[in-house]
N, C-alpha and C. Protein backbone atom coordinates (compact mmCIF):
# COMPACT_ATOMS: atom_id res chain seq x y z
N UNK A 1 0.82 -1.19 0.00
CA UNK A 1 0.00 0.00 0.00
C UNK A 1 0.87 1.26 0.00
N UNK A 2 0.26 2.39 0.12
CA UNK A 2 1.00 3.65 -0.03
C UNK A 2 1.78 4.06 1.20
N UNK A 3 1.47 3.49 2.37
CA UNK A 3 2.21 3.90 3.57
C UNK A 3 2.72 2.73 4.40
N UNK A 4 2.52 1.51 3.95
CA UNK A 4 3.00 0.30 4.63
C UNK A 4 2.49 0.20 6.06
N UNK A 5 1.25 0.66 6.27
CA UNK A 5 0.63 0.61 7.59
C UNK A 5 -0.71 -0.10 7.47
N UNK A 6 -1.03 -0.94 8.45
CA UNK A 6 -2.34 -1.60 8.47
C UNK A 6 -3.41 -0.59 8.87
N UNK A 7 -4.52 -0.59 8.13
CA UNK A 7 -5.60 0.36 8.41
C UNK A 7 -6.90 -0.39 8.67
N UNK A 8 -7.69 0.10 9.63
CA UNK A 8 -9.00 -0.48 9.92
C UNK A 8 -10.13 0.54 9.85
N UNK A 9 -9.80 1.82 9.78
CA UNK A 9 -10.80 2.89 9.71
C UNK A 9 -11.30 3.02 8.27
N UNK A 10 -12.58 2.73 8.03
CA UNK A 10 -13.11 2.77 6.65
C UNK A 10 -12.89 4.09 5.93
N UNK A 11 -13.03 5.22 6.63
CA UNK A 11 -12.85 6.50 5.94
C UNK A 11 -11.40 6.70 5.51
N UNK A 12 -10.46 6.25 6.33
CA UNK A 12 -9.05 6.34 5.97
C UNK A 12 -8.73 5.36 4.84
N UNK A 13 -9.35 4.19 4.87
CA UNK A 13 -9.14 3.22 3.81
C UNK A 13 -9.61 3.78 2.47
N UNK A 14 -10.75 4.46 2.49
CA UNK A 14 -11.29 5.05 1.26
C UNK A 14 -10.32 6.09 0.70
N UNK A 15 -9.81 6.96 1.56
CA UNK A 15 -8.86 7.98 1.12
C UNK A 15 -7.59 7.34 0.57
N UNK A 16 -7.13 6.28 1.23
CA UNK A 16 -5.92 5.61 0.77
C UNK A 16 -6.12 4.92 -0.57
N UNK A 17 -7.32 4.42 -0.82
CA UNK A 17 -7.58 3.77 -2.11
C UNK A 17 -7.37 4.75 -3.26
N UNK A 18 -7.74 5.99 -3.07
CA UNK A 18 -7.51 7.00 -4.09
C UNK A 18 -6.01 7.18 -4.32
N UNK A 19 -5.25 7.25 -3.24
CA UNK A 19 -3.79 7.41 -3.36
C UNK A 19 -3.14 6.20 -4.02
N UNK A 20 -3.72 5.02 -3.79
CA UNK A 20 -3.15 3.80 -4.36
C UNK A 20 -3.01 3.88 -5.88
N UNK A 21 -3.88 4.64 -6.50
CA UNK A 21 -3.87 4.72 -7.96
C UNK A 21 -2.71 5.54 -8.50
N UNK A 22 -2.14 6.42 -7.70
CA UNK A 22 -1.11 7.33 -8.21
C UNK A 22 0.21 7.27 -7.45
N UNK A 23 0.23 6.65 -6.30
CA UNK A 23 1.46 6.62 -5.48
C UNK A 23 2.18 5.29 -5.64
N UNK A 24 3.49 5.27 -5.41
CA UNK A 24 4.21 4.01 -5.46
C UNK A 24 3.77 3.07 -4.33
N UNK A 25 3.82 1.79 -4.60
CA UNK A 25 3.47 0.78 -3.61
C UNK A 25 4.70 0.50 -2.75
N UNK A 26 4.52 0.48 -1.44
CA UNK A 26 5.63 0.21 -0.52
C UNK A 26 5.60 -1.25 -0.09
N UNK A 27 5.61 -2.14 -1.08
CA UNK A 27 5.46 -3.56 -0.83
C UNK A 27 6.58 -4.10 0.06
N UNK A 28 7.81 -3.81 -0.27
CA UNK A 28 8.94 -4.34 0.51
C UNK A 28 8.88 -3.84 1.95
N UNK A 29 8.54 -2.58 2.13
CA UNK A 29 8.43 -2.03 3.48
C UNK A 29 7.31 -2.72 4.26
N UNK A 30 6.20 -2.98 3.59
CA UNK A 30 5.09 -3.69 4.22
C UNK A 30 5.47 -5.10 4.61
N UNK A 31 6.19 -5.79 3.74
CA UNK A 31 6.64 -7.15 4.06
C UNK A 31 7.62 -7.14 5.23
N UNK A 32 8.51 -6.16 5.25
CA UNK A 32 9.47 -6.06 6.36
C UNK A 32 8.74 -5.84 7.68
N UNK A 33 7.67 -5.06 7.66
CA UNK A 33 6.87 -4.84 8.88
C UNK A 33 6.28 -6.16 9.37
N UNK A 34 5.77 -6.97 8.44
CA UNK A 34 5.21 -8.26 8.83
C UNK A 34 6.28 -9.16 9.44
N UNK A 35 7.46 -9.18 8.85
CA UNK A 35 8.57 -9.97 9.38
C UNK A 35 8.93 -9.47 10.78
N UNK A 36 9.01 -8.16 10.95
CA UNK A 36 9.34 -7.57 12.25
C UNK A 36 8.29 -7.92 13.30
N UNK A 37 7.05 -8.15 12.87
CA UNK A 37 5.97 -8.52 13.79
C UNK A 37 5.96 -10.02 14.08
N UNK A 38 6.87 -10.77 13.47
CA UNK A 38 6.98 -12.19 13.76
C UNK A 38 6.44 -13.13 12.71
N UNK A 39 5.89 -12.62 11.63
CA UNK A 39 5.42 -13.50 10.56
C UNK A 39 6.63 -14.10 9.85
N UNK A 40 6.57 -15.40 9.56
CA UNK A 40 7.72 -16.04 8.93
C UNK A 40 7.36 -16.92 7.75
N UNK A 41 6.08 -17.00 7.41
CA UNK A 41 5.64 -17.80 6.27
C UNK A 41 4.73 -16.96 5.38
N UNK A 42 4.99 -17.00 4.07
CA UNK A 42 4.24 -16.19 3.12
C UNK A 42 3.86 -17.04 1.92
N UNK A 43 2.64 -16.87 1.43
CA UNK A 43 2.12 -17.63 0.31
C UNK A 43 1.76 -16.70 -0.83
N UNK A 44 2.28 -17.00 -2.00
CA UNK A 44 1.96 -16.24 -3.21
C UNK A 44 0.97 -17.06 -4.02
N UNK A 45 -0.23 -16.51 -4.21
CA UNK A 45 -1.28 -17.22 -4.95
C UNK A 45 -1.38 -16.67 -6.36
N UNK A 46 -1.36 -17.57 -7.33
CA UNK A 46 -1.44 -17.18 -8.73
C UNK A 46 -0.19 -17.61 -9.47
N UNK A 47 -0.21 -17.48 -10.78
CA UNK A 47 0.92 -17.93 -11.59
C UNK A 47 2.17 -17.08 -11.33
N UNK A 48 3.31 -17.70 -11.39
CA UNK A 48 4.57 -16.98 -11.26
C UNK A 48 5.10 -16.95 -9.83
N UNK A 49 6.32 -16.43 -9.71
CA UNK A 49 7.00 -16.38 -8.41
C UNK A 49 7.65 -15.02 -8.17
N UNK A 50 7.14 -13.99 -8.80
CA UNK A 50 7.75 -12.66 -8.70
C UNK A 50 7.78 -12.17 -7.26
N UNK A 51 6.64 -12.24 -6.56
CA UNK A 51 6.59 -11.73 -5.19
C UNK A 51 7.45 -12.55 -4.24
N UNK A 52 7.48 -13.86 -4.44
CA UNK A 52 8.35 -14.70 -3.61
C UNK A 52 9.81 -14.31 -3.81
N UNK A 53 10.18 -14.00 -5.04
CA UNK A 53 11.54 -13.55 -5.31
C UNK A 53 11.85 -12.22 -4.65
N UNK A 54 10.90 -11.29 -4.70
CA UNK A 54 11.10 -10.00 -4.03
C UNK A 54 11.19 -10.18 -2.52
N UNK A 55 10.37 -11.06 -1.97
CA UNK A 55 10.39 -11.31 -0.53
C UNK A 55 11.74 -11.89 -0.10
N UNK A 56 12.34 -12.69 -0.96
CA UNK A 56 13.64 -13.28 -0.63
C UNK A 56 14.67 -12.18 -0.36
N UNK A 57 14.56 -11.06 -1.06
CA UNK A 57 15.48 -9.94 -0.84
C UNK A 57 15.23 -9.25 0.51
N UNK A 58 13.96 -9.24 0.93
CA UNK A 58 13.58 -8.56 2.18
C UNK A 58 13.82 -9.45 3.39
N UNK A 59 13.47 -10.73 3.26
CA UNK A 59 13.53 -11.65 4.41
C UNK A 59 14.01 -13.01 3.95
N UNK A 60 15.31 -13.18 3.90
CA UNK A 60 15.89 -14.43 3.41
C UNK A 60 15.45 -15.65 4.21
N UNK A 61 15.23 -15.49 5.51
CA UNK A 61 14.88 -16.64 6.34
C UNK A 61 13.39 -16.99 6.30
N UNK A 62 12.57 -16.15 5.70
CA UNK A 62 11.13 -16.41 5.65
C UNK A 62 10.83 -17.58 4.72
N UNK A 63 9.81 -18.33 5.07
CA UNK A 63 9.32 -19.40 4.21
C UNK A 63 8.45 -18.77 3.13
N UNK A 64 8.77 -19.07 1.87
CA UNK A 64 8.05 -18.51 0.73
C UNK A 64 7.48 -19.66 -0.09
N UNK A 65 6.18 -19.66 -0.27
CA UNK A 65 5.52 -20.73 -1.03
C UNK A 65 4.72 -20.09 -2.16
N UNK A 66 5.02 -20.48 -3.39
CA UNK A 66 4.28 -19.99 -4.55
C UNK A 66 3.27 -21.06 -4.95
N UNK A 67 2.02 -20.67 -5.10
CA UNK A 67 0.95 -21.60 -5.43
C UNK A 67 0.28 -21.11 -6.71
N UNK A 68 0.46 -21.88 -7.79
CA UNK A 68 -0.06 -21.44 -9.07
C UNK A 68 -1.00 -22.41 -9.75
N UNK A 69 -1.18 -23.60 -9.18
CA UNK A 69 -2.06 -24.59 -9.81
C UNK A 69 -2.97 -25.22 -8.75
N UNK A 70 -4.00 -25.90 -9.22
CA UNK A 70 -4.90 -26.60 -8.31
C UNK A 70 -4.14 -27.67 -7.54
N UNK A 71 -3.25 -28.39 -8.22
CA UNK A 71 -2.45 -29.43 -7.55
C UNK A 71 -1.61 -28.83 -6.42
N UNK A 72 -1.03 -27.65 -6.65
CA UNK A 72 -0.22 -27.00 -5.62
C UNK A 72 -1.08 -26.55 -4.44
N UNK A 73 -2.29 -26.09 -4.72
CA UNK A 73 -3.21 -25.71 -3.64
C UNK A 73 -3.53 -26.94 -2.79
N UNK A 74 -3.87 -28.02 -3.46
CA UNK A 74 -4.21 -29.26 -2.74
C UNK A 74 -3.03 -29.76 -1.93
N UNK A 75 -1.83 -29.64 -2.46
CA UNK A 75 -0.64 -30.08 -1.75
C UNK A 75 -0.41 -29.26 -0.48
N UNK A 76 -0.59 -27.95 -0.57
CA UNK A 76 -0.40 -27.08 0.59
C UNK A 76 -1.46 -27.37 1.65
N UNK A 77 -2.69 -27.63 1.23
CA UNK A 77 -3.78 -27.87 2.18
C UNK A 77 -3.76 -29.27 2.77
N UNK A 78 -3.02 -30.18 2.18
CA UNK A 78 -2.99 -31.57 2.66
C UNK A 78 -2.28 -31.70 3.99
């Protein structure tokens, strides 16, 4: 998102959605915040592994799982 902060206030979320269209995304900063909060496993849903690759730069020790097919979904859920 535009400020790498979790938001729960609907009016602030609405204002931020407008900014999302024109401001750079602070994805790496947001991921680093999650790591700092103790999250250590991340799942990328959809084809490709771009986000998992970017996460590797931010948090080398984090578990990164890319899920792009039905078989991979079933494997993760098993």
